[in-house]
Amino acid sequence: MSNTTDSMEGKTEWRDVVGYEGLYQVSNEGWVRSVEHTINFVDVRCKELVQRLRKSRVMKQRVERNGYCRIELTLGVDRTKHLVHRLVAKAFLPNKDDLPQVNHINEVKDDNCVENLEWCTAEYNQQYSSPLNKNDIKNMLFDFYYGLSNTTIAERLNVSQKSIHDIRTGKSWSSVTGITKEVSA
């Protein structure tokens, strides 16, 4: 189900959240709302089956420590936390190549407008927000060859030692370095 409402920015389009059709909707602007529906439950006071109308409402999102917006959705008795940008992407962006991650184009993690999102690979997502470029990575290969420590390289490039470790072990930038992760059997 899809519908449109007017907002100050223009048209807000609402679509069902994938897997929660008829219960929750997500907008092209990054909002999530519950859909008006009837719930059945047993009233413990009179031990009778009762129906209650749940009204539609825009739901409160929580900004996690990592900067991403999360929301908790309920299906039956199961409550699950979801990243809002992934809900928006699943509802509005085709993913014909079955890419695993969603990138924030402007690098603002709580800007979940559909225009700011794109499906991508994990490596692209990591490189997109990296302060390093291909030349930095190529120069780093020489630093590795000449035995410079991760600490020294990290200080020179103003990045974390973990970033250098991930490059050295092939967890990131492997398309530039040619280093692949070792998989233990």
Protein backbone atom coordinates (compact mmCIF):
# COMPACT_ATOMS: atom_id res chain seq x y z
CA MET A 1 0.00 0.00 0.00
CA SER A 2 1.29 3.47 -0.88
CA ASN A 3 -0.11 6.92 -0.29
CA THR A 4 1.01 10.53 -0.51
CA THR A 5 0.60 13.50 1.81
CA ASP A 6 1.74 17.12 1.54
CA SER A 7 4.61 18.35 3.69
CA MET A 8 6.53 21.60 3.87
CA GLU A 9 9.21 20.17 1.52
CA GLY A 10 6.68 18.83 -1.00
CA LYS A 11 5.05 15.44 -1.39
CA THR A 12 5.64 12.79 1.25
CA GLU A 13 5.13 9.29 -0.07
CA TRP A 14 4.40 6.45 2.34
CA ARG A 15 4.97 2.77 1.54
CA ASP A 16 4.56 -0.38 3.57
CA VAL A 17 7.62 -1.56 5.48
CA VAL A 18 8.78 -4.81 3.87
CA GLY A 19 7.78 -7.69 6.15
CA TYR A 20 5.35 -5.51 8.13
CA GLU A 21 2.75 -4.80 5.45
CA GLY A 22 -0.46 -3.36 6.89
CA LEU A 23 1.22 -2.57 10.23
CA TYR A 24 3.95 -0.01 9.51
CA GLN A 25 4.86 2.39 6.72
CA VAL A 26 8.02 4.30 5.88
CA SER A 27 8.20 7.62 4.02
CA ASN A 28 10.55 8.87 1.32
CA GLU A 29 11.68 11.45 3.93
CA GLY A 30 12.81 8.81 6.44
CA TRP A 31 9.84 8.74 8.83
CA VAL A 32 8.20 5.54 10.09
CA ARG A 33 4.57 5.34 11.20
CA SER A 34 2.24 2.70 12.49
CA VAL A 35 -0.85 2.05 10.38
CA GLU A 36 -4.30 2.22 11.95
CA HIS A 37 -5.36 -1.35 12.66
CA THR A 38 -7.35 -3.48 15.08
CA ILE A 39 -5.58 -5.61 17.66
CA ASN A 40 -7.06 -8.55 19.53
CA PHE A 41 -6.04 -9.38 23.07
CA VAL A 42 -7.39 -11.04 26.18
CA ASP A 43 -8.43 -8.61 28.90
CA VAL A 44 -7.00 -10.19 32.06
CA ARG A 45 -9.59 -8.51 34.28
CA CYS A 46 -12.65 -10.07 32.63
CA LYS A 47 -10.87 -12.87 30.71
CA GLU A 48 -12.59 -11.93 27.46
CA LEU A 49 -11.27 -11.44 23.98
CA VAL A 50 -11.20 -7.69 23.30
CA GLN A 51 -10.61 -5.71 20.11
CA ARG A 52 -8.97 -2.32 20.23
CA LEU A 53 -8.30 0.17 17.43
CA ARG A 54 -4.67 1.28 17.22
CA LYS A 55 -4.46 4.71 15.60
CA SER A 56 -1.79 5.65 13.08
CA ARG A 57 1.12 7.65 14.45
CA VAL A 58 4.61 8.71 13.43
CA MET A 59 6.98 6.71 15.60
CA LYS A 60 9.89 7.98 17.64
CA GLN A 61 13.31 7.04 16.31
CA ARG A 62 16.37 6.55 18.45
CA VAL A 63 19.74 7.86 17.30
CA GLU A 64 22.31 5.27 18.29
CA ARG A 65 25.85 6.09 19.47
CA ASN A 66 27.13 5.32 15.97
CA GLY A 67 24.86 8.05 14.56
CA TYR A 68 22.34 5.82 12.76
CA CYS A 69 18.59 6.04 13.45
CA ARG A 70 16.92 2.89 14.74
CA ILE A 71 13.31 1.99 15.35
CA GLU A 72 11.64 -0.94 17.06
CA LEU A 73 8.85 -2.71 15.18
CA THR A 74 6.52 -5.35 16.58
CA LEU A 75 5.08 -8.32 14.70
CA GLY A 76 2.85 -10.39 16.97
CA VAL A 77 4.87 -10.71 20.16
CA ASP A 78 8.26 -10.28 18.48
CA ARG A 79 9.99 -6.89 18.73
CA THR A 80 12.86 -6.20 16.37
CA LYS A 81 15.12 -3.16 16.00
CA HIS A 82 15.68 -1.89 12.46
CA LEU A 83 17.95 0.73 10.90
CA VAL A 84 15.68 3.36 9.38
CA HIS A 85 17.86 3.96 6.30
CA ARG A 86 17.59 0.28 5.39
CA LEU A 87 13.78 0.38 5.74
CA VAL A 88 13.65 3.41 3.42
CA ALA A 89 15.97 1.78 0.88
CA LYS A 90 14.04 -1.50 0.86
CA ALA A 91 10.76 0.34 0.29
CA PHE A 92 11.88 2.91 -2.31
CA LEU A 93 15.14 1.85 -4.01
CA PRO A 94 15.34 -1.11 -6.38
CA ASN A 95 18.27 -3.40 -5.56
CA LYS A 96 18.58 -5.33 -8.80
CA ASP A 97 22.22 -6.28 -8.11
CA ASP A 98 21.36 -7.56 -4.59
CA LEU A 99 23.89 -5.21 -2.96
CA PRO A 100 24.25 -5.73 0.80
CA GLN A 101 24.63 -2.19 2.21
CA VAL A 102 23.03 1.24 2.04
CA ASN A 103 25.26 4.31 1.72
CA HIS A 104 24.36 7.82 2.91
CA ILE A 105 25.47 9.90 -0.08
CA ASN A 106 25.99 13.10 1.94
CA GLU A 107 27.61 11.08 4.79
CA VAL A 108 25.04 12.36 7.33
CA LYS A 109 23.96 9.17 9.08
CA ASP A 110 20.60 10.48 10.30
CA ASP A 111 19.56 11.95 6.91
CA ASN A 112 17.36 9.09 5.75
CA CYS A 113 15.66 10.79 2.77
CA VAL A 114 15.48 8.44 -0.19
CA GLU A 115 17.44 10.94 -2.35
CA ASN A 116 20.38 10.57 0.07
CA LEU A 117 20.54 6.77 -0.05
CA GLU A 118 22.01 4.22 -2.47
CA TRP A 119 22.61 0.48 -2.42
CA CYS A 120 26.32 -0.43 -2.49
CA THR A 121 28.98 -2.99 -1.66
CA ALA A 122 30.59 -3.07 1.79
CA GLU A 123 33.93 -1.97 0.33
CA TYR A 124 32.39 0.98 -1.54
CA ASN A 125 30.55 2.06 1.62
CA GLN A 126 33.77 1.95 3.63
CA GLN A 127 35.81 3.80 1.00
CA TYR A 128 33.09 6.39 0.44
CA SER A 129 33.45 7.75 3.95
CA SER A 130 37.19 7.18 4.22
CA PRO A 131 39.54 10.17 4.54
CA LEU A 132 42.01 8.15 2.45
CA ASN A 133 42.23 7.99 -1.33
CA LYS A 134 43.83 5.51 -3.74
CA ASN A 135 47.16 7.39 -3.77
CA ASP A 136 47.33 7.25 0.03
CA ILE A 137 46.74 3.51 -0.13
CA LYS A 138 49.36 2.95 -2.84
CA ASN A 139 51.92 4.98 -0.86
CA MET A 140 51.02 2.94 2.21
CA LEU A 141 52.09 -0.22 0.39
CA PHE A 142 55.61 1.22 0.23
CA ASP A 143 55.39 2.05 3.94
CA PHE A 144 54.45 -1.59 4.61
CA TYR A 145 57.36 -2.78 2.44
CA TYR A 146 59.86 -0.58 4.28
CA GLY A 147 58.61 -1.85 7.65
CA LEU A 148 56.91 1.24 9.04
CA SER A 149 54.60 0.46 11.95
CA ASN A 150 50.85 0.85 11.86
CA THR A 151 51.19 3.57 14.50
CA THR A 152 53.62 5.61 12.38
CA ILE A 153 51.51 5.27 9.23
CA ALA A 154 48.30 6.12 11.12
CA GLU A 155 49.84 9.27 12.60
CA ARG A 156 51.15 10.39 9.20
CA LEU A 157 47.76 9.91 7.53
CA ASN A 158 45.70 11.08 10.53
CA VAL A 159 43.63 7.88 10.73
CA SER A 160 43.22 5.17 13.37
CA GLN A 161 45.63 2.27 13.77
CA LYS A 162 42.63 -0.02 13.24
CA SER A 163 42.15 1.50 9.76
CA ILE A 164 45.78 0.73 8.91
CA HIS A 165 45.43 -2.79 10.34
CA ASP A 166 42.31 -3.41 8.23
CA ILE A 167 44.15 -2.28 5.09
CA ARG A 168 47.23 -4.37 5.93
CA THR A 169 45.12 -7.50 6.50
CA GLY A 170 42.88 -7.04 3.44
CA LYS A 171 39.68 -6.16 5.34
CA SER A 172 39.46 -2.88 3.45
CA TRP A 173 40.83 -1.39 0.23
CA SER A 174 41.71 -4.88 -1.08
CA SER A 175 40.75 -3.81 -4.61
CA VAL A 176 43.66 -1.32 -4.52
CA THR A 177 46.22 -3.25 -2.44
CA GLY A 178 45.61 -6.70 -3.86
CA ILE A 179 45.78 -8.02 -0.29
CA THR A 180 43.06 -10.55 0.47
CA LYS A 181 41.75 -11.63 3.85
CA GLU A 182 43.14 -14.92 5.04
CA VAL A 183 40.37 -17.35 5.77
CA SER A 184 41.20 -19.94 8.41
CA ALA A 185 39.93 -23.45 7.77
